[in-house]
Amino acid sequence: MLWLAGAAVAVAVLLSLGTGGEGTASREERRIAEVLQAMAGVGRVEVALFYADGDQTPTGAVVVAQVAEDMEVKLSLIRAVRTLLNLPETAVDVFAMEGER
């Protein structure tokens, strides 16, 4: 049940970010999504980055991926995002894309 609550929060955040302007975060999110989609077996990817108040660097990330049900792919996505953004493992969440089960 905890994963369901996390998924609901992630979807709500993604929806709230979807109508924003084309700022630096949007460009960074798109670029990270491009890199992740280039990885073998990942499929389509959406990325949302989170920033602490007044902070310039991301403090967390949510990845919604087409093939996130595959544990090997999920762990690879987490490792890639951690490397790209210098984040701890606990700051990166990966969820399956809707309709992809």
PDB file of N, CA and C in Angstrom:
ATOM      1  N   MET A   1       0.810  -1.201   0.000  1.00  0.00           N
ATOM      2  CA  MET A   1       0.000   0.000   0.000  1.00  0.00           C
ATOM      3  C   MET A   1       0.855   1.268   0.000  1.00  0.00           C
ATOM      4  N   LEU A   2       2.065   1.205   0.569  1.00  0.00           N
ATOM      5  CA  LEU A   2       2.934   2.368   0.603  1.00  0.00           C
ATOM      6  C   LEU A   2       3.334   2.794  -0.802  1.00  0.00           C
ATOM      7  N   TRP A   3       3.591   1.823  -1.690  1.00  0.00           N
ATOM      8  CA  TRP A   3       3.963   2.160  -3.069  1.00  0.00           C
ATOM      9  C   TRP A   3       2.818   2.858  -3.778  1.00  0.00           C
ATOM     10  N   LEU A   4       1.576   2.495  -3.442  1.00  0.00           N
ATOM     11  CA  LEU A   4       0.418   3.132  -4.067  1.00  0.00           C
ATOM     12  C   LEU A   4       0.321   4.595  -3.649  1.00  0.00           C
ATOM     13  N   ALA A   5       0.578   4.884  -2.390  1.00  0.00           N
ATOM     14  CA  ALA A   5       0.566   6.272  -1.921  1.00  0.00           C
ATOM     15  C   ALA A   5       1.680   7.064  -2.592  1.00  0.00           C
ATOM     16  N   GLY A   6       2.850   6.454  -2.723  1.00  0.00           N
ATOM     17  CA  GLY A   6       3.958   7.115  -3.405  1.00  0.00           C
ATOM     18  C   GLY A   6       3.652   7.392  -4.858  1.00  0.00           C
ATOM     19  N   ALA A   7       3.006   6.435  -5.514  1.00  0.00           N
ATOM     20  CA  ALA A   7       2.641   6.622  -6.923  1.00  0.00           C
ATOM     21  C   ALA A   7       1.624   7.744  -7.068  1.00  0.00           C
ATOM     22  N   ALA A   8       0.675   7.819  -6.156  1.00  0.00           N
ATOM     23  CA  ALA A   8      -0.335   8.881  -6.212  1.00  0.00           C
ATOM     24  C   ALA A   8       0.310  10.252  -6.037  1.00  0.00           C
ATOM     25  N   VAL A   9       1.247  10.354  -5.127  1.00  0.00           N
ATOM     26  CA  VAL A   9       1.956  11.617  -4.922  1.00  0.00           C
ATOM     27  C   VAL A   9       2.755  11.976  -6.176  1.00  0.00           C
ATOM     28  N   ALA A  10       3.426  10.988  -6.748  1.00  0.00           N
ATOM     29  CA  ALA A  10       4.229  11.241  -7.955  1.00  0.00           C
ATOM     30  C   ALA A  10       3.356  11.726  -9.102  1.00  0.00           C
ATOM     31  N   VAL A  11       2.210  11.106  -9.297  1.00  0.00           N
ATOM     32  CA  VAL A  11       1.303  11.519 -10.373  1.00  0.00           C
ATOM     33  C   VAL A  11       0.795  12.931 -10.127  1.00  0.00           C
ATOM     34  N   ALA A  12       0.432  13.248  -8.895  1.00  0.00           N
ATOM     35  CA  ALA A  12      -0.052  14.588  -8.576  1.00  0.00           C
ATOM     36  C   ALA A  12       1.016  15.640  -8.844  1.00  0.00           C
ATOM     37  N   VAL A  13       2.242  15.330  -8.482  1.00  0.00           N
ATOM     38  CA  VAL A  13       3.346  16.265  -8.715  1.00  0.00           C
ATOM     39  C   VAL A  13       3.586  16.439 -10.210  1.00  0.00           C
ATOM     40  N   LEU A  14       3.595  15.342 -10.943  1.00  0.00           N
ATOM     41  CA  LEU A  14       3.812  15.427 -12.391  1.00  0.00           C
ATOM     42  C   LEU A  14       2.720  16.249 -13.060  1.00  0.00           C
ATOM     43  N   LEU A  15       1.476  16.061 -12.636  1.00  0.00           N
ATOM     44  CA  LEU A  15       0.385  16.833 -13.209  1.00  0.00           C
ATOM     45  C   LEU A  15       0.519  18.315 -12.893  1.00  0.00           C
ATOM     46  N   SER A  16       0.933  18.633 -11.687  1.00  0.00           N
ATOM     47  CA  SER A  16       1.075  20.043 -11.313  1.00  0.00           C
ATOM     48  C   SER A  16       2.226  20.709 -12.052  1.00  0.00           C
ATOM     49  N   LEU A  17       3.254  19.943 -12.397  1.00  0.00           N
ATOM     50  CA  LEU A  17       4.389  20.487 -13.121  1.00  0.00           C
ATOM     51  C   LEU A  17       4.135  20.594 -14.618  1.00  0.00           C
ATOM     52  N   GLY A  18       3.167  19.858 -15.119  1.00  0.00           N
ATOM     53  CA  GLY A  18       2.927  19.793 -16.550  1.00  0.00           C
ATOM     54  C   GLY A  18       2.483  21.082 -17.190  1.00  0.00           C
ATOM     55  N   THR A  19       1.919  22.017 -16.447  1.00  0.00           N
ATOM     56  CA  THR A  19       1.429  23.260 -17.026  1.00  0.00           C
ATOM     57  C   THR A  19       2.371  24.425 -16.801  1.00  0.00           C
ATOM     58  N   GLY A  20       3.535  24.170 -16.247  1.00  0.00           N
ATOM     59  CA  GLY A  20       4.491  25.238 -15.948  1.00  0.00           C
ATOM     60  C   GLY A  20       5.175  25.761 -17.181  1.00  0.00           C
ATOM     61  N   GLY A  21       6.015  26.788 -16.990  1.00  0.00           N
ATOM     62  CA  GLY A  21       6.760  27.386 -18.085  1.00  0.00           C
ATOM     63  C   GLY A  21       7.918  26.513 -18.499  1.00  0.00           C
ATOM     64  N   GLU A  22       8.652  26.982 -19.472  1.00  0.00           N
ATOM     65  CA  GLU A  22       9.803  26.239 -19.992  1.00  0.00           C
ATOM     66  C   GLU A  22      11.076  26.702 -19.305  1.00  0.00           C
ATOM     67  N   GLY A  23      11.180  26.500 -18.011  1.00  0.00           N
ATOM     68  CA  GLY A  23      12.342  26.933 -17.249  1.00  0.00           C
ATOM     69  C   GLY A  23      13.470  25.931 -17.327  1.00  0.00           C
ATOM     70  N   THR A  24      14.512  26.192 -16.545  1.00  0.00           N
ATOM     71  CA  THR A  24      15.685  25.333 -16.513  1.00  0.00           C
ATOM     72  C   THR A  24      15.319  23.914 -16.102  1.00  0.00           C
ATOM     73  N   ALA A  25      14.434  23.774 -15.118  1.00  0.00           N
ATOM     74  CA  ALA A  25      14.056  22.444 -14.657  1.00  0.00           C
ATOM     75  C   ALA A  25      13.444  21.640 -15.793  1.00  0.00           C
ATOM     76  N   SER A  26      12.591  22.246 -16.588  1.00  0.00           N
ATOM     77  CA  SER A  26      11.958  21.526 -17.685  1.00  0.00           C
ATOM     78  C   SER A  26      12.991  21.039 -18.687  1.00  0.00           C
ATOM     79  N   ARG A  27      13.946  21.875 -19.022  1.00  0.00           N
ATOM     80  CA  ARG A  27      15.009  21.463 -19.952  1.00  0.00           C
ATOM     81  C   ARG A  27      15.847  20.337 -19.348  1.00  0.00           C
ATOM     82  N   GLU A  28      16.166  20.465 -18.076  1.00  0.00           N
ATOM     83  CA  GLU A  28      16.971  19.449 -17.402  1.00  0.00           C
ATOM     84  C   GLU A  28      16.203  18.123 -17.326  1.00  0.00           C
ATOM     85  N   GLU A  29      14.910  18.200 -17.001  1.00  0.00           N
ATOM     86  CA  GLU A  29      14.080  16.999 -16.947  1.00  0.00           C
ATOM     87  C   GLU A  29      14.014  16.311 -18.305  1.00  0.00           C
ATOM     88  N   ARG A  30      13.843  17.108 -19.371  1.00  0.00           N
ATOM     89  CA  ARG A  30      13.783  16.524 -20.718  1.00  0.00           C
ATOM     90  C   ARG A  30      15.110  15.871 -21.091  1.00  0.00           C
ATOM     91  N   ARG A  31      16.216  16.516 -20.767  1.00  0.00           N
ATOM     92  CA  ARG A  31      17.529  15.969 -21.109  1.00  0.00           C
ATOM     93  C   ARG A  31      17.788  14.671 -20.358  1.00  0.00           C
ATOM     94  N   ILE A  32      17.443  14.627 -19.081  1.00  0.00           N
ATOM     95  CA  ILE A  32      17.617  13.398 -18.305  1.00  0.00           C
ATOM     96  C   ILE A  32      16.728  12.295 -18.870  1.00  0.00           C
ATOM     97  N   ALA A  33      15.497  12.622 -19.227  1.00  0.00           N
ATOM     98  CA  ALA A  33      14.595  11.634 -19.833  1.00  0.00           C
ATOM     99  C   ALA A  33      15.189  11.086 -21.123  1.00  0.00           C
ATOM    100  N   GLU A  34      15.802  11.941 -21.937  1.00  0.00           N
ATOM    101  CA  GLU A  34      16.439  11.489 -23.184  1.00  0.00           C
ATOM    102  C   GLU A  34      17.561  10.503 -22.892  1.00  0.00           C
ATOM    103  N   VAL A  35      18.368  10.809 -21.897  1.00  0.00           N
ATOM    104  CA  VAL A  35      19.480   9.928 -21.532  1.00  0.00           C
ATOM    105  C   VAL A  35      18.943   8.582 -21.047  1.00  0.00           C
ATOM    106  N   LEU A  36      17.935   8.611 -20.192  1.00  0.00           N
ATOM    107  CA  LEU A  36      17.380   7.371 -19.648  1.00  0.00           C
ATOM    108  C   LEU A  36      16.728   6.530 -20.737  1.00  0.00           C
ATOM    109  N   GLN A  37      16.028   7.171 -21.670  1.00  0.00           N
ATOM    110  CA  GLN A  37      15.373   6.444 -22.760  1.00  0.00           C
ATOM    111  C   GLN A  37      16.389   5.786 -23.687  1.00  0.00           C
ATOM    112  N   ALA A  38      17.594   6.303 -23.728  1.00  0.00           N
ATOM    113  CA  ALA A  38      18.646   5.725 -24.567  1.00  0.00           C
ATOM    114  C   ALA A  38      19.215   4.436 -23.968  1.00  0.00           C
ATOM    115  N   MET A  39      18.919   4.170 -22.715  1.00  0.00           N
ATOM    116  CA  MET A  39      19.400   2.953 -22.065  1.00  0.00           C
ATOM    117  C   MET A  39      18.639   1.745 -22.609  1.00  0.00           C
ATOM    118  N   ALA A  40      19.314   0.626 -22.740  1.00  0.00           N
ATOM    119  CA  ALA A  40      18.713  -0.595 -23.277  1.00  0.00           C
ATOM    120  C   ALA A  40      17.543  -1.065 -22.418  1.00  0.00           C
ATOM    121  N   GLY A  41      16.405  -1.324 -23.052  1.00  0.00           N
ATOM    122  CA  GLY A  41      15.251  -1.925 -22.396  1.00  0.00           C
ATOM    123  C   GLY A  41      14.385  -1.013 -21.565  1.00  0.00           C
ATOM    124  N   VAL A  42      14.619   0.285 -21.585  1.00  0.00           N
ATOM    125  CA  VAL A  42      13.884   1.201 -20.704  1.00  0.00           C
ATOM    126  C   VAL A  42      12.538   1.628 -21.280  1.00  0.00           C
ATOM    127  N   GLY A  43      12.472   1.933 -22.559  1.00  0.00           N
ATOM    128  CA  GLY A  43      11.230   2.431 -23.157  1.00  0.00           C
ATOM    129  C   GLY A  43      11.036   3.909 -22.874  1.00  0.00           C
ATOM    130  N   ARG A  44       9.781   4.347 -22.877  1.00  0.00           N
ATOM    131  CA  ARG A  44       9.466   5.764 -22.649  1.00  0.00           C
ATOM    132  C   ARG A  44       9.692   6.131 -21.185  1.00  0.00           C
ATOM    133  N   VAL A  45      10.076   7.407 -20.961  1.00  0.00           N
ATOM    134  CA  VAL A  45      10.396   7.879 -19.609  1.00  0.00           C
ATOM    135  C   VAL A  45       9.924   9.318 -19.428  1.00  0.00           C
ATOM    136  N   GLU A  46       9.406   9.619 -18.256  1.00  0.00           N
ATOM    137  CA  GLU A  46       9.107  10.988 -17.819  1.00  0.00           C
ATOM    138  C   GLU A  46       9.890  11.225 -16.539  1.00  0.00           C
ATOM    139  N   VAL A  47      10.402  12.445 -16.365  1.00  0.00           N
ATOM    140  CA  VAL A  47      11.211  12.775 -15.185  1.00  0.00           C
ATOM    141  C   VAL A  47      10.681  14.054 -14.546  1.00  0.00           C
ATOM    142  N   ALA A  48      10.574  14.052 -13.225  1.00  0.00           N
ATOM    143  CA  ALA A  48      10.244  15.260 -12.461  1.00  0.00           C
ATOM    144  C   ALA A  48      11.328  15.452 -11.411  1.00  0.00           C
ATOM    145  N   LEU A  49      11.893  16.652 -11.377  1.00  0.00           N
ATOM    146  CA  LEU A  49      12.930  16.978 -10.396  1.00  0.00           C
ATOM    147  C   LEU A  49      12.338  17.858  -9.305  1.00  0.00           C
ATOM    148  N   PHE A  50      12.866  17.728  -8.098  1.00  0.00           N
ATOM    149  CA  PHE A  50      12.398  18.500  -6.962  1.00  0.00           C
ATOM    150  C   PHE A  50      13.542  19.301  -6.383  1.00  0.00           C
ATOM    151  N   TYR A  51      13.243  20.517  -5.966  1.00  0.00           N
ATOM    152  CA  TYR A  51      14.242  21.434  -5.431  1.00  0.00           C
ATOM    153  C   TYR A  51      13.802  21.901  -4.050  1.00  0.00           C
ATOM    154  N   ALA A  52      14.768  21.996  -3.112  1.00  0.00           N
ATOM    155  CA  ALA A  52      14.489  22.582  -1.808  1.00  0.00           C
ATOM    156  C   ALA A  52      14.315  24.088  -2.003  1.00  0.00           C
ATOM    157  N   ASP A  53      13.617  24.726  -1.112  1.00  0.00           N
ATOM    158  CA  ASP A  53      13.385  26.171  -1.207  1.00  0.00           C
ATOM    159  C   ASP A  53      14.695  26.922  -1.401  1.00  0.00           C
ATOM    160  N   GLY A  54      14.773  27.675  -2.489  1.00  0.00           N
ATOM    161  CA  GLY A  54      15.939  28.500  -2.766  1.00  0.00           C
ATOM    162  C   GLY A  54      17.163  27.747  -3.260  1.00  0.00           C
ATOM    163  N   ASP A  55      17.044  26.437  -3.426  1.00  0.00           N
ATOM    164  CA  ASP A  55      18.192  25.640  -3.857  1.00  0.00           C
ATOM    165  C   ASP A  55      18.253  25.576  -5.380  1.00  0.00           C
ATOM    166  N   GLN A  56      19.452  25.606  -5.939  1.00  0.00           N
ATOM    167  CA  GLN A  56      19.648  25.542  -7.390  1.00  0.00           C
ATOM    168  C   GLN A  56      19.826  24.109  -7.882  1.00  0.00           C
ATOM    169  N   THR A  57      20.180  23.216  -6.982  1.00  0.00           N
ATOM    170  CA  THR A  57      20.422  21.829  -7.406  1.00  0.00           C
ATOM    171  C   THR A  57      19.277  20.938  -6.937  1.00  0.00           C
ATOM    172  N   PRO A  58      18.915  19.925  -7.758  1.00  0.00           N
ATOM    173  CA  PRO A  58      17.810  19.040  -7.378  1.00  0.00           C
ATOM    174  C   PRO A  58      18.098  18.292  -6.080  1.00  0.00           C
ATOM    175  N   THR A  59      17.060  18.130  -5.279  1.00  0.00           N
ATOM    176  CA  THR A  59      17.182  17.367  -4.039  1.00  0.00           C
ATOM    177  C   THR A  59      16.464  16.024  -4.148  1.00  0.00           C
ATOM    178  N   GLY A  60      15.744  15.810  -5.255  1.00  0.00           N
ATOM    179  CA  GLY A  60      15.038  14.556  -5.451  1.00  0.00           C
ATOM    180  C   GLY A  60      14.548  14.426  -6.878  1.00  0.00           C
ATOM    181  N   ALA A  61      14.192  13.200  -7.256  1.00  0.00           N
ATOM    182  CA  ALA A  61      13.706  12.938  -8.610  1.00  0.00           C
ATOM    183  C   ALA A  61      12.697  11.806  -8.594  1.00  0.00           C
ATOM    184  N   VAL A  62      11.698  11.939  -9.476  1.00  0.00           N
ATOM    185  CA  VAL A  62      10.736  10.868  -9.726  1.00  0.00           C
ATOM    186  C   VAL A  62      10.838  10.513 -11.199  1.00  0.00           C
ATOM    187  N   VAL A  63      10.953   9.226 -11.472  1.00  0.00           N
ATOM    188  CA  VAL A  63      11.021   8.726 -12.836  1.00  0.00           C
ATOM    189  C   VAL A  63       9.820   7.813 -13.051  1.00  0.00           C
ATOM    190  N   VAL A  64       9.076   8.072 -14.114  1.00  0.00           N
ATOM    191  CA  VAL A  64       7.967   7.204 -14.500  1.00  0.00           C
ATOM    192  C   VAL A  64       8.385   6.580 -15.822  1.00  0.00           C
ATOM    193  N   ALA A  65       8.539   5.250 -15.818  1.00  0.00           N
ATOM    194  CA  ALA A  65       9.103   4.568 -16.982  1.00  0.00           C
ATOM    195  C   ALA A  65       8.194   3.460 -17.481  1.00  0.00           C
ATOM    196  N   GLN A  66       8.261   3.234 -18.769  1.00  0.00           N
ATOM    197  CA  GLN A  66       7.456   2.213 -19.433  1.00  0.00           C
ATOM    198  C   GLN A  66       7.791   0.814 -18.912  1.00  0.00           C
ATOM    199  N   VAL A  67       9.044   0.540 -18.629  1.00  0.00           N
ATOM    200  CA  VAL A  67       9.467  -0.802 -18.240  1.00  0.00           C
ATOM    201  C   VAL A  67       9.939  -0.850 -16.782  1.00  0.00           C
ATOM    202  N   ALA A  68       9.369  -0.025 -15.930  1.00  0.00           N
ATOM    203  CA  ALA A  68       9.802   0.038 -14.529  1.00  0.00           C
ATOM    204  C   ALA A  68       9.407  -1.199 -13.727  1.00  0.00           C
ATOM    205  N   GLU A  69       8.542  -2.050 -14.264  1.00  0.00           N
ATOM    206  CA  GLU A  69       8.165  -3.287 -13.565  1.00  0.00           C
ATOM    207  C   GLU A  69       9.335  -4.264 -13.503  1.00  0.00           C
ATOM    208  N   ASP A  70      10.252  -4.176 -14.453  1.00  0.00           N
ATOM    209  CA  ASP A  70      11.437  -5.032 -14.499  1.00  0.00           C
ATOM    210  C   ASP A  70      12.439  -4.508 -13.474  1.00  0.00           C
ATOM    211  N   MET A  71      12.770  -5.318 -12.470  1.00  0.00           N
ATOM    212  CA  MET A  71      13.620  -4.869 -11.369  1.00  0.00           C
ATOM    213  C   MET A  71      15.005  -4.448 -11.846  1.00  0.00           C
ATOM    214  N   GLU A  72      15.567  -5.148 -12.819  1.00  0.00           N
ATOM    215  CA  GLU A  72      16.889  -4.780 -13.329  1.00  0.00           C
ATOM    216  C   GLU A  72      16.861  -3.396 -13.977  1.00  0.00           C
ATOM    217  N   VAL A  73      15.803  -3.122 -14.751  1.00  0.00           N
ATOM    218  CA  VAL A  73      15.644  -1.807 -15.388  1.00  0.00           C
ATOM    219  C   VAL A  73      15.445  -0.735 -14.320  1.00  0.00           C
ATOM    220  N   LYS A  74      14.613  -1.031 -13.342  1.00  0.00           N
ATOM    221  CA  LYS A  74      14.342  -0.071 -12.269  1.00  0.00           C
ATOM    222  C   LYS A  74      15.629   0.312 -11.531  1.00  0.00           C
ATOM    223  N   LEU A  75      16.433  -0.678 -11.187  1.00  0.00           N
ATOM    224  CA  LEU A  75      17.685  -0.399 -10.484  1.00  0.00           C
ATOM    225  C   LEU A  75      18.660   0.378 -11.367  1.00  0.00           C
ATOM    226  N   SER A  76      18.673   0.081 -12.660  1.00  0.00           N
ATOM    227  CA  SER A  76      19.534   0.827 -13.587  1.00  0.00           C
ATOM    228  C   SER A  76      19.101   2.281 -13.688  1.00  0.00           C
ATOM    229  N   LEU A  77      17.786   2.518 -13.708  1.00  0.00           N
ATOM    230  CA  LEU A  77      17.278   3.889 -13.758  1.00  0.00           C
ATOM    231  C   LEU A  77      17.666   4.659 -12.495  1.00  0.00           C
ATOM    232  N   ILE A  78      17.500   4.026 -11.353  1.00  0.00           N
ATOM    233  CA  ILE A  78      17.865   4.680 -10.091  1.00  0.00           C
ATOM    234  C   ILE A  78      19.350   5.025 -10.089  1.00  0.00           C
ATOM    235  N   ARG A  79      20.184   4.063 -10.487  1.00  0.00           N
ATOM    236  CA  ARG A  79      21.631   4.296 -10.506  1.00  0.00           C
ATOM    237  C   ARG A  79      22.008   5.423 -11.469  1.00  0.00           C
ATOM    238  N   ALA A  80      21.368   5.455 -12.643  1.00  0.00           N
ATOM    239  CA  ALA A  80      21.673   6.501 -13.628  1.00  0.00           C
ATOM    240  C   ALA A  80      21.281   7.883 -13.107  1.00  0.00           C
ATOM    241  N   VAL A  81      20.097   7.995 -12.513  1.00  0.00           N
ATOM    242  CA  VAL A  81      19.644   9.292 -11.999  1.00  0.00           C
ATOM    243  C   VAL A  81      20.526   9.724 -10.836  1.00  0.00           C
ATOM    244  N   ARG A  82      20.888   8.797  -9.967  1.00  0.00           N
ATOM    245  CA  ARG A  82      21.789   9.126  -8.856  1.00  0.00           C
ATOM    246  C   ARG A  82      23.115   9.667  -9.380  1.00  0.00           C
ATOM    247  N   THR A  83      23.635   9.035 -10.422  1.00  0.00           N
ATOM    248  CA  THR A  83      24.911   9.460 -10.992  1.00  0.00           C
ATOM    249  C   THR A  83      24.789  10.825 -11.659  1.00  0.00           C
ATOM    250  N   LEU A  84      23.735  11.011 -12.460  1.00  0.00           N
ATOM    251  CA  LEU A  84      23.557  12.272 -13.188  1.00  0.00           C
ATOM    252  C   LEU A  84      23.362  13.466 -12.257  1.00  0.00           C
ATOM    253  N   LEU A  85      22.658  13.250 -11.147  1.00  0.00           N
ATOM    254  CA  LEU A  85      22.299  14.360 -10.266  1.00  0.00           C
ATOM    255  C   LEU A  85      23.022  14.352  -8.922  1.00  0.00           C
ATOM    256  N   ASN A  86      23.888  13.356  -8.700  1.00  0.00           N
ATOM    257  CA  ASN A  86      24.604  13.248  -7.436  1.00  0.00           C
ATOM    258  C   ASN A  86      23.633  13.214  -6.250  1.00  0.00           C
ATOM    259  N   LEU A  87      22.646  12.326  -6.348  1.00  0.00           N
ATOM    260  CA  LEU A  87      21.623  12.191  -5.315  1.00  0.00           C
ATOM    261  C   LEU A  87      21.788  10.873  -4.566  1.00  0.00           C
ATOM    262  N   PRO A  88      21.352  10.830  -3.306  1.00  0.00           N
ATOM    263  CA  PRO A  88      21.348   9.551  -2.588  1.00  0.00           C
ATOM    264  C   PRO A  88      20.229   8.665  -3.134  1.00  0.00           C
ATOM    265  N   GLU A  89      20.355   7.363  -2.942  1.00  0.00           N
ATOM    266  CA  GLU A  89      19.358   6.413  -3.448  1.00  0.00           C
ATOM    267  C   GLU A  89      17.958   6.737  -2.946  1.00  0.00           C
ATOM    268  N   THR A  90      17.844   7.191  -1.713  1.00  0.00           N
ATOM    269  CA  THR A  90      16.535   7.483  -1.137  1.00  0.00           C
ATOM    270  C   THR A  90      15.865   8.701  -1.762  1.00  0.00           C
ATOM    271  N   ALA A  91      16.589   9.479  -2.556  1.00  0.00           N
ATOM    272  CA  ALA A  91      16.036  10.683  -3.175  1.00  0.00           C
ATOM    273  C   ALA A  91      15.500  10.422  -4.589  1.00  0.00           C
ATOM    274  N   VAL A  92      15.565   9.164  -5.040  1.00  0.00           N
ATOM    275  CA  VAL A  92      15.113   8.815  -6.384  1.00  0.00           C
ATOM    276  C   VAL A  92      14.047   7.725  -6.294  1.00  0.00           C
ATOM    277  N   ASP A  93      12.874   7.987  -6.868  1.00  0.00           N
ATOM    278  CA  ASP A  93      11.803   6.999  -6.927  1.00  0.00           C
ATOM    279  C   ASP A  93      11.482   6.701  -8.376  1.00  0.00           C
ATOM    280  N   VAL A  94      11.237   5.431  -8.688  1.00  0.00           N
ATOM    281  CA  VAL A  94      10.896   5.003 -10.041  1.00  0.00           C
ATOM    282  C   VAL A  94       9.563   4.263  -9.985  1.00  0.00           C
ATOM    283  N   PHE A  95       8.649   4.639 -10.891  1.00  0.00           N
ATOM    284  CA  PHE A  95       7.327   4.042 -10.956  1.00  0.00           C
ATOM    285  C   PHE A  95       7.019   3.591 -12.376  1.00  0.00           C
ATOM    286  N   ALA A  96       6.131   2.604 -12.491  1.00  0.00           N
ATOM    287  CA  ALA A  96       5.705   2.135 -13.811  1.00  0.00           C
ATOM    288  C   ALA A  96       4.738   3.123 -14.438  1.00  0.00           C
ATOM    289  N   MET A  97       4.868   3.294 -15.728  1.00  0.00           N
ATOM    290  CA  MET A  97       3.986   4.167 -16.480  1.00  0.00           C
ATOM    291  C   MET A  97       2.586   3.550 -16.552  1.00  0.00           C
ATOM    292  N   GLU A  98       1.570   4.368 -16.454  1.00  0.00           N
ATOM    293  CA  GLU A  98       0.187   3.895 -16.493  1.00  0.00           C
ATOM    294  C   GLU A  98      -0.093   3.153 -17.790  1.00  0.00           C
ATOM    295  N   GLY A  99      -0.825   2.066 -17.659  1.00  0.00           N
ATOM    296  CA  GLY A  99      -1.215   1.290 -18.834  1.00  0.00           C
ATOM    297  C   GLY A  99      -0.122   0.421 -19.395  1.00  0.00           C
ATOM    298  N   GLU A 100       0.994   0.286 -18.690  1.00  0.00           N
ATOM    299  CA  GLU A 100       2.132  -0.477 -19.209  1.00  0.00           C
ATOM    300  C   GLU A 100       2.268  -1.843 -18.539  1.00  0.00           C
ATOM    301  N   ARG A 101       1.333  -2.255 -17.735  1.00  0.00           N
ATOM    302  CA  ARG A 101       1.437  -3.563 -17.054  1.00  0.00           C
ATOM    303  C   ARG A 101       0.995  -4.670 -17.948  1.00  0.00           C
TER     304      ARG A 101
END
